[in-house]
Structures are given as structure tokens and as C-alpha cells.
Amino acid sequence: MKSWFASSLLLWAGTAWASPAADGRACLEASDLACAHRLAAEAGNGAEATLLRAELAFAEQDFYTAEKLIGPHAAARAADDPLTHDLALYKA
């Protein structure tokens, strides 16, 4: 209940223009995986939504799925990009 309240408060406090993926990250920060799953389902199929799904998989310790989701996005980035760093963590 406490986790649900905290994540709901975070979502309510956000702007009306926040994307489902950004709201999903707020849910993850509040450790509310149910909220993050719901928003990941609403986020569509864009890059930001895919990255949210990767973060959610990582939070659930599904590292194979996280790596599979983030790999194509990280491959197109520079070696010093934070996303490339995240991929290295997923592979570890």
C-alpha cells in the first residue's frame, strides 16, 4: 500500500505532458513494479518505451530480456553513452 501511494503521488505530481515511459520510470524509482508494468503496456513501441521495458526487465532480474531489448539501441550509440554503459551492466 505504501509503495502504491508513493508512486501514485509521484505520477500525480508530474506534468500532464509526461509520457507513459517517463511515468513508468517514476514507478520504478518508487519500486512499484505493477505500476511500471501497466505504464509499459501503455507506452507504445517507440525507443523510449523499449528502454522502459528493458529497465523493468532489469528490475525483475530478467537480464537476458533486458539485454535483448536494449542491445539494438546501445549499438547505435557512442562507447561513452550512458545507454552503452547500461548494456554492459546487463551483460555482466
N, C-alpha and C. Protein backbone atom coordinates (compact mmCIF):
# COMPACT_ATOMS: atom_id res chain seq x y z
N MET A 1 0.83 -1.19 0.00
CA MET A 1 0.00 0.00 0.00
C MET A 1 0.87 1.25 0.00
N LYS A 2 1.91 1.23 0.83
CA LYS A 2 2.78 2.39 0.92
C LYS A 2 3.46 2.66 -0.43
N SER A 3 3.90 1.59 -1.10
CA SER A 3 4.55 1.74 -2.40
C SER A 3 3.56 2.29 -3.42
N TRP A 4 2.33 1.78 -3.41
CA TRP A 4 1.31 2.26 -4.34
C TRP A 4 1.04 3.73 -4.14
N PHE A 5 0.92 4.15 -2.89
CA PHE A 5 0.64 5.56 -2.60
C PHE A 5 1.78 6.45 -3.07
N ALA A 6 3.03 6.03 -2.81
CA ALA A 6 4.18 6.85 -3.19
C ALA A 6 4.25 7.02 -4.71
N SER A 7 4.06 5.92 -5.45
CA SER A 7 4.15 6.04 -6.91
C SER A 7 2.97 6.82 -7.47
N SER A 8 1.80 6.66 -6.88
CA SER A 8 0.64 7.42 -7.34
C SER A 8 0.87 8.91 -7.11
N LEU A 9 1.46 9.24 -5.98
CA LEU A 9 1.75 10.64 -5.68
C LEU A 9 2.76 11.19 -6.69
N LEU A 10 3.77 10.40 -7.02
CA LEU A 10 4.76 10.84 -8.00
C LEU A 10 4.11 11.08 -9.35
N LEU A 11 3.23 10.18 -9.75
CA LEU A 11 2.56 10.35 -11.04
C LEU A 11 1.64 11.56 -11.05
N TRP A 12 0.94 11.77 -9.95
CA TRP A 12 0.03 12.91 -9.86
C TRP A 12 0.80 14.22 -9.89
N ALA A 13 1.97 14.23 -9.27
CA ALA A 13 2.76 15.46 -9.19
C ALA A 13 3.41 15.81 -10.52
N GLY A 14 3.53 14.83 -11.43
CA GLY A 14 4.16 15.08 -12.73
C GLY A 14 3.29 15.97 -13.59
N THR A 15 3.86 16.43 -14.66
CA THR A 15 3.11 17.29 -15.57
C THR A 15 2.12 16.47 -16.37
N ALA A 16 1.15 17.13 -16.94
CA ALA A 16 0.15 16.45 -17.75
C ALA A 16 0.75 15.99 -19.07
N TRP A 17 1.90 16.50 -19.45
CA TRP A 17 2.53 16.14 -20.72
C TRP A 17 3.56 15.04 -20.58
N ALA A 18 3.70 14.47 -19.42
CA ALA A 18 4.68 13.40 -19.22
C ALA A 18 4.27 12.17 -20.03
N SER A 19 5.24 11.48 -20.55
CA SER A 19 4.96 10.28 -21.34
C SER A 19 4.76 9.08 -20.42
N PRO A 20 4.08 8.05 -20.90
CA PRO A 20 3.95 6.84 -20.08
C PRO A 20 5.30 6.26 -19.69
N ALA A 21 6.30 6.38 -20.59
CA ALA A 21 7.62 5.85 -20.27
C ALA A 21 8.26 6.64 -19.12
N ALA A 22 8.11 7.96 -19.12
CA ALA A 22 8.66 8.77 -18.02
C ALA A 22 7.94 8.46 -16.71
N ASP A 23 6.63 8.30 -16.80
CA ASP A 23 5.87 7.94 -15.60
C ASP A 23 6.25 6.54 -15.12
N GLY A 24 6.53 5.64 -16.08
CA GLY A 24 6.95 4.29 -15.72
C GLY A 24 8.27 4.29 -14.97
N ARG A 25 9.17 5.19 -15.36
CA ARG A 25 10.44 5.31 -14.62
C ARG A 25 10.20 5.81 -13.20
N ALA A 26 9.24 6.70 -13.04
CA ALA A 26 8.89 7.17 -11.68
C ALA A 26 8.37 6.00 -10.86
N CYS A 27 7.59 5.13 -11.47
CA CYS A 27 7.10 3.93 -10.77
C CYS A 27 8.26 3.04 -10.36
N LEU A 28 9.23 2.86 -11.28
CA LEU A 28 10.39 2.03 -10.96
C LEU A 28 11.19 2.63 -9.81
N GLU A 29 11.35 3.95 -9.80
CA GLU A 29 12.07 4.61 -8.71
C GLU A 29 11.37 4.40 -7.38
N ALA A 30 10.04 4.28 -7.43
CA ALA A 30 9.26 4.04 -6.21
C ALA A 30 9.12 2.54 -5.92
N SER A 31 9.79 1.70 -6.72
CA SER A 31 9.74 0.24 -6.58
C SER A 31 8.33 -0.32 -6.73
N ASP A 32 7.53 0.32 -7.55
CA ASP A 32 6.17 -0.14 -7.82
C ASP A 32 6.16 -0.81 -9.20
N LEU A 33 6.45 -2.12 -9.22
CA LEU A 33 6.57 -2.83 -10.48
C LEU A 33 5.23 -2.99 -11.18
N ALA A 34 4.15 -3.12 -10.42
CA ALA A 34 2.83 -3.24 -11.03
C ALA A 34 2.48 -1.97 -11.82
N CYS A 35 2.76 -0.83 -11.25
CA CYS A 35 2.54 0.45 -11.91
C CYS A 35 3.42 0.54 -13.16
N ALA A 36 4.69 0.15 -13.04
CA ALA A 36 5.61 0.21 -14.18
C ALA A 36 5.15 -0.72 -15.31
N HIS A 37 4.65 -1.90 -14.97
CA HIS A 37 4.13 -2.82 -15.99
C HIS A 37 2.94 -2.21 -16.73
N ARG A 38 2.03 -1.61 -15.97
CA ARG A 38 0.84 -1.01 -16.58
C ARG A 38 1.24 0.10 -17.56
N LEU A 39 2.16 0.94 -17.14
CA LEU A 39 2.58 2.05 -17.99
C LEU A 39 3.43 1.58 -19.17
N ALA A 40 4.21 0.52 -18.98
CA ALA A 40 4.99 -0.03 -20.09
C ALA A 40 4.06 -0.56 -21.18
N ALA A 41 2.93 -1.12 -20.76
CA ALA A 41 1.95 -1.62 -21.72
C ALA A 41 1.29 -0.48 -22.49
N GLU A 42 1.17 0.67 -21.86
CA GLU A 42 0.56 1.84 -22.50
C GLU A 42 1.55 2.68 -23.29
N ALA A 43 2.83 2.41 -23.16
CA ALA A 43 3.86 3.29 -23.71
C ALA A 43 4.05 3.18 -25.22
N GLY A 44 3.51 2.18 -25.85
CA GLY A 44 3.67 2.04 -27.30
C GLY A 44 4.92 1.24 -27.65
N ASN A 45 5.45 1.52 -28.85
CA ASN A 45 6.58 0.74 -29.35
C ASN A 45 7.81 1.57 -29.67
N GLY A 46 7.85 2.82 -29.25
CA GLY A 46 8.99 3.68 -29.54
C GLY A 46 10.22 3.31 -28.74
N ALA A 47 11.31 4.00 -29.02
CA ALA A 47 12.58 3.73 -28.35
C ALA A 47 12.47 3.95 -26.84
N GLU A 48 11.80 5.02 -26.44
CA GLU A 48 11.66 5.31 -25.01
C GLU A 48 10.88 4.21 -24.30
N ALA A 49 9.84 3.70 -24.95
CA ALA A 49 9.04 2.61 -24.37
C ALA A 49 9.86 1.33 -24.27
N THR A 50 10.66 1.05 -25.29
CA THR A 50 11.51 -0.15 -25.27
C THR A 50 12.53 -0.06 -24.15
N LEU A 51 13.09 1.12 -23.96
CA LEU A 51 14.06 1.29 -22.87
C LEU A 51 13.39 1.14 -21.51
N LEU A 52 12.15 1.60 -21.36
CA LEU A 52 11.42 1.38 -20.11
C LEU A 52 11.24 -0.11 -19.87
N ARG A 53 10.87 -0.85 -20.92
CA ARG A 53 10.70 -2.30 -20.76
C ARG A 53 12.02 -2.97 -20.37
N ALA A 54 13.12 -2.48 -20.91
CA ALA A 54 14.44 -3.02 -20.54
C ALA A 54 14.74 -2.74 -19.07
N GLU A 55 14.46 -1.53 -18.61
CA GLU A 55 14.68 -1.19 -17.20
C GLU A 55 13.80 -2.03 -16.29
N LEU A 56 12.58 -2.27 -16.72
CA LEU A 56 11.66 -3.09 -15.95
C LEU A 56 12.16 -4.53 -15.88
N ALA A 57 12.62 -5.06 -17.01
CA ALA A 57 13.18 -6.42 -17.02
C ALA A 57 14.39 -6.50 -16.09
N PHE A 58 15.22 -5.48 -16.12
CA PHE A 58 16.39 -5.46 -15.24
C PHE A 58 15.97 -5.44 -13.77
N ALA A 59 14.96 -4.64 -13.46
CA ALA A 59 14.47 -4.56 -12.07
C ALA A 59 13.93 -5.91 -11.60
N GLU A 60 13.41 -6.69 -12.54
CA GLU A 60 12.88 -8.01 -12.21
C GLU A 60 13.93 -9.11 -12.34
N GLN A 61 15.16 -8.71 -12.56
CA GLN A 61 16.31 -9.59 -12.69
C GLN A 61 16.21 -10.52 -13.90
N ASP A 62 15.55 -10.06 -14.94
CA ASP A 62 15.47 -10.78 -16.20
C ASP A 62 16.50 -10.14 -17.14
N PHE A 63 17.75 -10.45 -16.89
CA PHE A 63 18.84 -9.77 -17.58
C PHE A 63 18.91 -10.12 -19.06
N TYR A 64 18.53 -11.35 -19.41
CA TYR A 64 18.53 -11.74 -20.82
C TYR A 64 17.58 -10.85 -21.63
N THR A 65 16.36 -10.67 -21.12
CA THR A 65 15.39 -9.83 -21.82
C THR A 65 15.85 -8.38 -21.85
N ALA A 66 16.40 -7.90 -20.74
CA ALA A 66 16.89 -6.52 -20.69
C ALA A 66 17.96 -6.29 -21.75
N GLU A 67 18.88 -7.23 -21.86
CA GLU A 67 19.95 -7.11 -22.85
C GLU A 67 19.39 -7.16 -24.27
N LYS A 68 18.44 -8.04 -24.50
CA LYS A 68 17.83 -8.18 -25.82
C LYS A 68 17.11 -6.89 -26.23
N LEU A 69 16.44 -6.25 -25.28
CA LEU A 69 15.69 -5.03 -25.58
C LEU A 69 16.60 -3.83 -25.80
N ILE A 70 17.65 -3.72 -24.99
CA ILE A 70 18.49 -2.52 -25.03
C ILE A 70 19.60 -2.62 -26.07
N GLY A 71 19.98 -3.83 -26.46
CA GLY A 71 21.10 -4.04 -27.37
C GLY A 71 21.05 -3.22 -28.64
N PRO A 72 19.97 -3.28 -29.42
CA PRO A 72 19.93 -2.52 -30.68
C PRO A 72 20.05 -1.01 -30.48
N HIS A 73 19.54 -0.51 -29.38
CA HIS A 73 19.61 0.93 -29.10
C HIS A 73 21.02 1.34 -28.70
N ALA A 74 21.68 0.50 -27.91
CA ALA A 74 23.03 0.82 -27.45
C ALA A 74 24.05 0.69 -28.57
N ALA A 75 23.82 -0.24 -29.50
CA ALA A 75 24.76 -0.46 -30.59
C ALA A 75 24.90 0.78 -31.48
N ALA A 76 23.87 1.58 -31.54
CA ALA A 76 23.89 2.77 -32.38
C ALA A 76 24.47 3.99 -31.67
N ARG A 77 24.88 3.83 -30.44
CA ARG A 77 25.38 4.96 -29.65
C ARG A 77 26.90 4.90 -29.49
N ALA A 78 27.47 6.01 -29.06
CA ALA A 78 28.92 6.09 -28.80
C ALA A 78 29.28 5.24 -27.58
N ALA A 79 30.55 4.85 -27.51
CA ALA A 79 31.00 3.98 -26.42
C ALA A 79 30.86 4.64 -25.05
N ASP A 80 30.90 5.97 -24.97
CA ASP A 80 30.79 6.64 -23.68
C ASP A 80 29.35 7.05 -23.33
N ASP A 81 28.39 6.65 -24.13
CA ASP A 81 26.99 6.96 -23.89
C ASP A 81 26.48 6.16 -22.68
N PRO A 82 25.67 6.76 -21.82
CA PRO A 82 25.14 6.04 -20.65
C PRO A 82 24.39 4.76 -21.02
N LEU A 83 23.72 4.75 -22.15
CA LEU A 83 23.00 3.55 -22.58
C LEU A 83 23.95 2.40 -22.86
N THR A 84 25.10 2.70 -23.45
CA THR A 84 26.11 1.68 -23.70
C THR A 84 26.63 1.15 -22.36
N HIS A 85 26.79 2.01 -21.41
CA HIS A 85 27.21 1.60 -20.06
C HIS A 85 26.16 0.68 -19.44
N ASP A 86 24.88 1.03 -19.59
CA ASP A 86 23.81 0.19 -19.06
C ASP A 86 23.84 -1.20 -19.69
N LEU A 87 24.08 -1.28 -20.99
CA LEU A 87 24.12 -2.56 -21.66
C LEU A 87 25.24 -3.43 -21.09
N ALA A 88 26.38 -2.82 -20.79
CA ALA A 88 27.48 -3.57 -20.19
C ALA A 88 27.06 -4.14 -18.83
N LEU A 89 26.26 -3.39 -18.08
CA LEU A 89 25.78 -3.90 -16.79
C LEU A 89 24.82 -5.06 -16.99
N TYR A 90 23.98 -4.98 -17.99
CA TYR A 90 23.02 -6.05 -18.26
C TYR A 90 23.72 -7.33 -18.65
N LYS A 91 24.83 -7.20 -19.36
CA LYS A 91 25.58 -8.37 -19.81
C LYS A 91 26.42 -8.98 -18.69
N ALA A 92 26.73 -8.21 -17.67
CA ALA A 92 27.62 -8.70 -16.61
C ALA A 92 27.00 -9.78 -15.75
